[in-house]
Amino acid sequence: MEYGTTISRIYQNLEDDHVEKAVMGCLRLARNTTDYLNAAIFMRELCSDDDEVARAILDDTPKLAEESQRFIWERSHERWVKGRTLDFVLAGDQNVKEEEKKNILTTPTGEIDPEIEQWERTISDLSIPTGVNLVDAAAFAARYDREKAVHRLRIKALQIIRARIKTRCLSYVIQIERQLASQRQSQSFLEEVQNEVNNYFKAHSEDVFLKLEKALQLSTSTEPEDASLLLTEVRRALKASANFFYPPRSGKIICSDGKERLLGEEEYLNRLQEYLATQLPQSTAKGLLSAELDHLASFIRRLNEMASKGVHASATLVEAKQGLIGLYFFLFNVSQHSFKPKGNNDPK
């Protein structure tokens, strides 16, 4: 979807006072940006049928938990009611019972303008018949004045709600435009990180580069079952990175902190920790990298536990992508403060 074109079209519809088209544009924009709450709100503005709204929310949010879907349903209803509530009695009678007062206008956006036109025609048609006597004419005039007052109150309510909907559309499109602009800047930074990491390993380790490339391909999938494959590639890429920076060593090794550890093929997280401790100069960056690796290691160890229990299905694509993003940032920072190891047989 070309967001810029859609946003420009919404602005144009608002300038041309085509409120229903603006609402439909905002609905489309919300759906394409996975802004589920606002998609539900704009859907309510277009449709007064609760069943249809519920179906639309379920169709838009199949991957969300039931609790999240319920939140969207309830919160969108609250905001819709607030935007549709008038500060006067719609019935036009201030003496009606409280439970009979109707001050929530439920008319869908697409029906507001036709209804306003209908009531204006009704008002113009309320004219005193010709040929009646003065008493009857006075009675007609009094009755028509009351009816016109009710109709004008209805028109006023419709115009108020219409203006609120228009304002909501304008506020939303301004907000989403700013959001997308910020995201584009962030995406540019993420692309820079990916390029730096990919280019670094393309030049120094084809094994790491190919595993990262495979992980990136899997990250574009929308199939839930690909989450396990992506998690596997994240682990493989991290292990390959450890092999590059600090190749496996046999037996227990006395590490830089004086403790003995295994630094073999499978102890790749230990090897990365030892690499940071021995190869990077003492600096604030070294401490930050160690903390970053600790966080990533905790995440990877959790994935390893899940894999050993055969419960990959419980991991989601979001979690898998989180691991991939964390890996890229870690490798980016390491590559910025590191250098090519002296040799596979001499990691120190």
Protein backbone atom coordinates (compact mmCIF):
# COMPACT_ATOMS: atom_id res chain seq x y z
CA MET A 1 0.00 0.00 0.00
CA GLU A 2 1.26 3.47 -0.90
CA TYR A 3 0.63 5.29 2.38
CA GLY A 4 1.46 8.73 1.02
CA THR A 5 -1.17 8.46 -1.71
CA THR A 6 -3.82 7.24 0.71
CA ILE A 7 -3.07 10.01 3.21
CA SER A 8 -3.23 12.66 0.48
CA ARG A 9 -6.57 11.27 -0.67
CA ILE A 10 -7.97 11.44 2.87
CA TYR A 11 -6.86 15.06 3.21
CA GLN A 12 -8.51 15.86 -0.14
CA ASN A 13 -11.77 14.18 0.91
CA LEU A 14 -11.78 16.17 4.14
CA GLU A 15 -11.19 19.42 2.24
CA ASP A 16 -14.01 18.50 -0.15
CA ASP A 17 -16.25 17.66 2.85
CA HIS A 18 -16.64 14.02 1.77
CA VAL A 19 -16.71 12.64 5.30
CA GLU A 20 -17.76 9.07 4.47
CA LYS A 21 -14.90 8.72 1.96
CA ALA A 22 -12.49 10.10 4.56
CA VAL A 23 -13.68 7.53 7.12
CA MET A 24 -13.26 4.70 4.61
CA GLY A 25 -9.76 5.94 3.83
CA CYS A 26 -8.89 6.03 7.55
CA LEU A 27 -10.29 2.51 7.97
CA ARG A 28 -8.14 1.24 5.14
CA LEU A 29 -5.09 3.03 6.52
CA ALA A 30 -5.66 1.62 10.02
CA ARG A 31 -6.03 -1.92 8.69
CA ASN A 32 -2.89 -1.71 6.57
CA THR A 33 -0.84 -0.41 9.49
CA THR A 34 -2.35 -3.09 11.79
CA ASP A 35 -3.80 -0.36 13.99
CA TYR A 36 -6.59 -2.69 15.11
CA LEU A 37 -8.20 -0.38 17.66
CA ASN A 38 -8.69 2.54 15.28
CA ALA A 39 -9.76 0.15 12.53
CA ALA A 40 -12.56 -1.01 14.85
CA ILE A 41 -13.49 2.60 15.71
CA PHE A 42 -13.77 3.65 12.05
CA MET A 43 -15.68 0.44 11.28
CA ARG A 44 -18.22 1.44 13.94
CA GLU A 45 -18.55 4.86 12.31
CA LEU A 46 -19.49 3.18 9.03
CA CYS A 47 -21.70 0.41 10.39
CA SER A 48 -24.26 0.41 13.20
CA ASP A 49 -24.71 -3.38 13.16
CA ASP A 50 -22.84 -4.83 16.16
CA ASP A 51 -22.69 -8.29 14.60
CA GLU A 52 -21.04 -6.91 11.47
CA VAL A 53 -18.56 -4.92 13.54
CA ALA A 54 -17.72 -8.00 15.62
CA ARG A 55 -17.16 -10.05 12.47
CA ALA A 56 -14.87 -7.36 11.05
CA ILE A 57 -12.81 -7.22 14.25
CA LEU A 58 -12.41 -11.01 14.28
CA ASP A 59 -11.42 -11.00 10.61
CA ASP A 60 -8.84 -8.27 11.22
CA THR A 61 -7.32 -9.84 14.37
CA PRO A 62 -7.15 -13.63 13.86
CA LYS A 63 -3.66 -13.81 15.40
CA LEU A 64 -4.51 -11.84 18.53
CA ALA A 65 -5.43 -13.48 21.82
CA GLU A 66 -9.08 -13.50 22.81
CA GLU A 67 -8.33 -11.04 25.60
CA SER A 68 -6.83 -8.58 23.12
CA GLN A 69 -9.82 -8.94 20.79
CA ARG A 70 -12.14 -8.26 23.71
CA PHE A 71 -10.14 -5.16 24.62
CA ILE A 72 -10.46 -3.83 21.06
CA TRP A 73 -14.20 -4.52 21.06
CA GLU A 74 -14.83 -2.81 24.41
CA ARG A 75 -12.47 0.14 23.98
CA SER A 76 -13.66 0.93 20.45
CA HIS A 77 -17.25 0.86 21.72
CA GLU A 78 -16.37 3.23 24.57
CA ARG A 79 -14.75 5.73 22.21
CA TRP A 80 -17.57 5.42 19.70
CA VAL A 81 -20.19 6.08 22.41
CA LYS A 82 -18.22 9.08 23.70
CA GLY A 83 -18.00 10.55 20.21
CA ARG A 84 -21.69 9.93 19.53
CA THR A 85 -23.10 11.25 22.82
CA LEU A 86 -24.88 14.62 22.66
CA ASP A 87 -25.11 17.16 25.46
CA PHE A 88 -28.85 17.60 24.90
CA VAL A 89 -31.89 15.33 24.69
CA LEU A 90 -32.38 14.22 21.13
CA ALA A 91 -36.12 13.70 21.58
CA GLY A 92 -36.54 17.42 22.02
CA ASP A 93 -38.55 17.05 25.22
CA GLN A 94 -36.74 17.97 28.39
CA ASN A 95 -39.51 16.43 30.51
CA VAL A 96 -39.22 12.81 29.32
CA LYS A 97 -38.13 10.13 31.79
CA GLU A 98 -34.37 9.61 32.14
CA GLU A 99 -34.51 6.08 30.72
CA GLU A 100 -36.41 7.35 27.68
CA LYS A 101 -33.90 10.02 26.80
CA LYS A 102 -32.08 9.42 23.55
CA ASN A 103 -28.87 11.39 23.34
CA ILE A 104 -26.65 8.88 21.49
CA LEU A 105 -26.83 9.26 17.75
CA THR A 106 -26.22 5.89 16.04
CA THR A 107 -26.68 6.96 12.41
CA PRO A 108 -23.83 5.53 10.27
CA THR A 109 -21.59 8.11 8.62
CA GLY A 110 -22.86 7.32 5.13
CA GLU A 111 -26.46 8.03 6.16
CA ILE A 112 -25.87 11.38 7.89
CA ASP A 113 -25.95 13.66 4.83
CA PRO A 114 -28.99 11.94 3.24
CA GLU A 115 -30.85 12.17 6.54
CA ILE A 116 -30.05 15.87 6.91
CA GLU A 117 -31.40 16.48 3.40
CA GLN A 118 -34.49 14.42 4.20
CA TRP A 119 -35.30 16.44 7.32
CA GLU A 120 -34.73 19.72 5.48
CA ARG A 121 -37.22 18.65 2.82
CA THR A 122 -39.67 17.60 5.54
CA ILE A 123 -39.41 21.02 7.18
CA SER A 124 -40.01 22.82 3.89
CA ASP A 125 -43.08 20.63 3.26
CA LEU A 126 -44.67 21.63 6.57
CA SER A 127 -46.71 24.54 5.24
CA ILE A 128 -50.22 25.57 6.26
CA PRO A 129 -52.81 24.26 3.80
CA THR A 130 -54.60 26.87 1.76
CA GLY A 131 -58.27 27.59 2.33
CA VAL A 132 -58.41 26.87 6.08
CA ASN A 133 -59.91 29.28 8.57
CA LEU A 134 -57.85 31.29 11.00
CA VAL A 135 -58.41 28.94 13.94
CA ASP A 136 -57.30 25.90 11.99
CA ALA A 137 -54.40 27.83 10.50
CA ALA A 138 -53.23 28.73 14.02
CA ALA A 139 -53.50 25.10 15.09
CA PHE A 140 -51.54 23.94 12.03
CA ALA A 141 -48.91 26.62 12.64
CA ALA A 142 -48.47 25.63 16.30
CA ARG A 143 -48.19 21.92 15.45
CA TYR A 144 -45.80 22.52 12.57
CA ASP A 145 -43.61 24.76 14.70
CA ARG A 146 -43.22 21.94 17.26
CA GLU A 147 -42.45 19.40 14.55
CA LYS A 148 -39.97 21.73 12.87
CA ALA A 149 -38.22 22.28 16.22
CA VAL A 150 -37.83 18.52 16.65
CA HIS A 151 -36.53 18.12 13.10
CA ARG A 152 -34.11 21.02 13.45
CA LEU A 153 -32.82 19.51 16.68
CA ARG A 154 -32.23 16.26 14.82
CA ILE A 155 -30.40 18.12 12.05
CA LYS A 156 -28.28 19.91 14.66
CA ALA A 157 -27.37 16.55 16.24
CA LEU A 158 -26.43 15.08 12.87
CA GLN A 159 -24.26 18.08 12.04
CA ILE A 160 -22.50 17.91 15.41
CA ILE A 161 -21.69 14.21 15.03
CA ARG A 162 -20.64 14.75 11.44
CA ALA A 163 -18.21 17.47 12.55
CA ARG A 164 -16.81 15.21 15.27
CA ILE A 165 -16.23 12.38 12.80
CA LYS A 166 -14.49 14.77 10.43
CA THR A 167 -12.26 15.99 13.26
CA ARG A 168 -11.51 12.40 14.26
CA CYS A 169 -10.43 11.60 10.70
CA LEU A 170 -8.24 14.70 10.54
CA SER A 171 -6.60 13.99 13.91
CA TYR A 172 -5.98 10.37 12.95
CA VAL A 173 -4.44 11.10 9.56
CA ILE A 174 -2.13 13.74 11.10
CA GLN A 175 -1.11 11.28 13.81
CA ILE A 176 -0.50 8.38 11.43
CA GLU A 177 1.44 10.63 9.06
CA ARG A 178 3.81 11.59 11.87
CA GLN A 179 4.05 7.97 12.98
CA LEU A 180 4.94 6.73 9.50
CA ALA A 181 7.54 9.48 9.10
CA SER A 182 9.19 8.41 12.37
CA GLN A 183 9.03 4.77 11.33
CA ARG A 184 10.70 5.53 8.02
CA GLN A 185 13.62 7.08 9.90
CA SER A 186 13.81 4.02 12.18
CA GLN A 187 13.59 1.68 9.20
CA SER A 188 16.45 3.54 7.57
CA PHE A 189 18.53 2.92 10.69
CA LEU A 190 17.56 -0.77 10.78
CA GLU A 191 18.52 -1.11 7.12
CA GLU A 192 21.86 0.51 7.89
CA VAL A 193 22.44 -1.99 10.72
CA GLN A 194 21.56 -4.93 8.47
CA ASN A 195 23.77 -3.68 5.66
CA GLU A 196 26.73 -3.14 7.97
CA VAL A 197 26.42 -6.61 9.50
CA ASN A 198 25.81 -8.37 6.17
CA ASN A 199 28.70 -6.60 4.47
CA TYR A 200 31.04 -7.33 7.38
CA PHE A 201 30.38 -11.05 7.33
CA LYS A 202 30.17 -11.21 3.56
CA ALA A 203 33.80 -10.11 3.60
CA HIS A 204 34.96 -12.17 6.60
CA SER A 205 32.72 -15.22 7.04
CA GLU A 206 30.51 -16.64 4.32
CA ASP A 207 29.07 -19.16 6.78
CA VAL A 208 27.68 -16.43 9.06
CA PHE A 209 26.48 -14.38 6.10
CA LEU A 210 24.53 -17.27 4.55
CA LYS A 211 22.86 -18.13 7.85
CA LEU A 212 21.84 -14.50 8.40
CA GLU A 213 20.49 -14.34 4.86
CA LYS A 214 18.42 -17.49 5.44
CA ALA A 215 17.05 -16.05 8.69
CA LEU A 216 16.07 -12.82 6.92
CA GLN A 217 14.18 -14.78 4.27
CA LEU A 218 12.24 -16.66 6.95
CA SER A 219 11.46 -13.41 8.81
CA THR A 220 9.27 -12.27 5.90
CA SER A 221 7.01 -15.29 6.24
CA THR A 222 3.49 -14.94 7.63
CA GLU A 223 3.10 -18.66 8.35
CA PRO A 224 3.12 -19.42 12.13
CA GLU A 225 4.90 -22.74 11.58
CA ASP A 226 7.92 -20.87 10.15
CA ALA A 227 8.60 -19.42 13.61
CA SER A 228 10.46 -22.59 14.64
CA LEU A 229 12.57 -22.50 11.47
CA LEU A 230 13.46 -18.86 12.07
CA LEU A 231 14.42 -19.59 15.69
CA THR A 232 16.68 -22.40 14.48
CA GLU A 233 18.41 -20.09 12.00
CA VAL A 234 18.90 -17.44 14.69
CA ARG A 235 20.67 -19.99 16.89
CA ARG A 236 22.74 -21.26 13.96
CA ALA A 237 23.77 -17.73 12.98
CA LEU A 238 24.80 -16.90 16.55
CA LYS A 239 26.77 -20.14 16.79
CA ALA A 240 28.47 -19.45 13.44
CA SER A 241 29.37 -15.98 14.72
CA ALA A 242 30.93 -17.52 17.81
CA ASN A 243 32.90 -19.91 15.58
CA PHE A 244 34.19 -16.92 13.63
CA PHE A 245 35.14 -14.72 16.58
CA TYR A 246 36.29 -17.45 18.99
CA PRO A 247 36.63 -20.96 17.46
CA PRO A 248 35.90 -24.01 19.66
CA ARG A 249 38.63 -25.28 21.97
CA SER A 250 38.93 -28.70 23.50
CA GLY A 251 38.81 -29.41 27.22
CA LYS A 252 38.23 -26.99 30.05
CA ILE A 253 39.83 -23.59 29.63
CA ILE A 254 40.76 -21.13 32.35
CA CYS A 255 38.86 -18.01 31.29
CA SER A 256 39.79 -14.39 31.83
CA ASP A 257 37.86 -14.29 35.12
CA GLY A 258 39.90 -17.21 36.49
CA LYS A 259 37.12 -19.78 36.21
CA GLU A 260 37.33 -23.01 34.26
CA ARG A 261 34.76 -23.45 31.50
CA LEU A 262 34.10 -25.61 28.51
CA LEU A 263 34.59 -23.65 25.29
CA GLY A 264 33.76 -26.41 22.88
CA GLU A 265 31.51 -26.63 19.82
CA GLU A 266 28.25 -26.35 21.74
CA GLU A 267 29.39 -23.78 24.29
CA TYR A 268 29.17 -20.95 21.78
CA LEU A 269 27.67 -18.49 24.25
CA ASN A 270 30.59 -19.03 26.62
CA ARG A 271 32.98 -18.48 23.72
CA LEU A 272 31.33 -15.20 22.80
CA GLN A 273 31.55 -14.01 26.41
CA GLU A 274 35.23 -14.92 26.52
CA TYR A 275 35.82 -13.15 23.21
CA LEU A 276 34.33 -9.93 24.56
CA ALA A 277 36.40 -10.26 27.72
CA THR A 278 39.72 -10.87 25.96
CA GLN A 279 39.55 -9.19 22.57
CA LEU A 280 37.73 -5.91 23.16
CA PRO A 281 39.59 -3.10 24.89
CA GLN A 282 38.41 -1.93 28.27
CA SER A 283 35.71 0.63 27.60
CA THR A 284 32.11 1.54 28.20
CA ALA A 285 31.28 -0.20 24.93
CA LYS A 286 32.71 -3.46 26.27
CA GLY A 287 30.41 -3.34 29.28
CA LEU A 288 27.40 -2.54 27.14
CA LEU A 289 28.22 -5.38 24.74
CA SER A 290 28.53 -7.82 27.61
CA ALA A 291 25.15 -6.75 28.96
CA GLU A 292 23.66 -6.98 25.47
CA LEU A 293 25.04 -10.50 25.03
CA ASP A 294 23.71 -11.51 28.45
CA HIS A 295 20.24 -10.42 27.38
CA LEU A 296 20.54 -12.17 24.01
CA ALA A 297 22.01 -15.27 25.67
CA SER A 298 19.07 -15.48 28.08
CA PHE A 299 16.71 -15.29 25.13
CA ILE A 300 18.65 -17.93 23.15
CA ARG A 301 18.91 -20.25 26.15
CA ARG A 302 15.16 -20.00 26.56
CA LEU A 303 14.74 -20.95 22.91
CA ASN A 304 17.10 -23.89 23.42
CA GLU A 305 14.98 -25.09 26.32
CA MET A 306 11.87 -24.86 24.17
CA ALA A 307 13.58 -26.77 21.38
CA SER A 308 14.71 -29.54 23.72
CA LYS A 309 11.14 -29.96 24.95
CA GLY A 310 9.73 -30.07 21.45
CA VAL A 311 7.36 -27.18 22.03
CA HIS A 312 8.42 -24.90 19.16
CA ALA A 313 4.77 -24.41 18.29
CA SER A 314 4.42 -22.20 21.36
CA ALA A 315 6.92 -19.72 19.94
CA THR A 316 5.48 -17.02 17.70
CA LEU A 317 6.86 -15.23 14.67
CA VAL A 318 7.02 -12.06 16.75
CA GLU A 319 9.27 -13.78 19.31
CA ALA A 320 11.42 -15.27 16.55
CA LYS A 321 11.83 -11.86 14.87
CA GLN A 322 12.73 -10.38 18.25
CA GLY A 323 15.61 -12.85 18.45
CA LEU A 324 16.75 -11.96 14.92
CA ILE A 325 16.68 -8.21 15.61
CA GLY A 326 18.61 -8.72 18.85
CA LEU A 327 21.20 -10.78 16.99
CA TYR A 328 21.67 -8.12 14.32
CA PHE A 329 22.14 -5.33 16.86
CA PHE A 330 24.60 -7.41 18.85
CA LEU A 331 26.65 -8.32 15.78
CA PHE A 332 26.53 -4.71 14.58
CA ASN A 333 27.97 -3.46 17.85
CA VAL A 334 30.60 -6.21 17.98
CA SER A 335 31.70 -5.52 14.41
CA GLN A 336 32.00 -1.80 15.18
CA HIS A 337 34.34 -2.42 18.13
CA SER A 338 36.13 -5.49 16.94
CA PHE A 339 38.55 -6.71 14.33
CA LYS A 340 39.08 -9.87 12.36
CA PRO A 341 40.48 -12.63 14.63
CA LYS A 342 44.14 -13.46 14.12
CA GLY A 343 43.40 -17.05 13.17
CA ASN A 344 41.18 -20.00 13.89
CA ASN A 345 43.86 -21.63 16.02
CA ASP A 346 44.64 -18.52 18.00
CA PRO A 347 41.48 -16.73 19.18
CA LYS A 348 43.51 -14.84 21.71
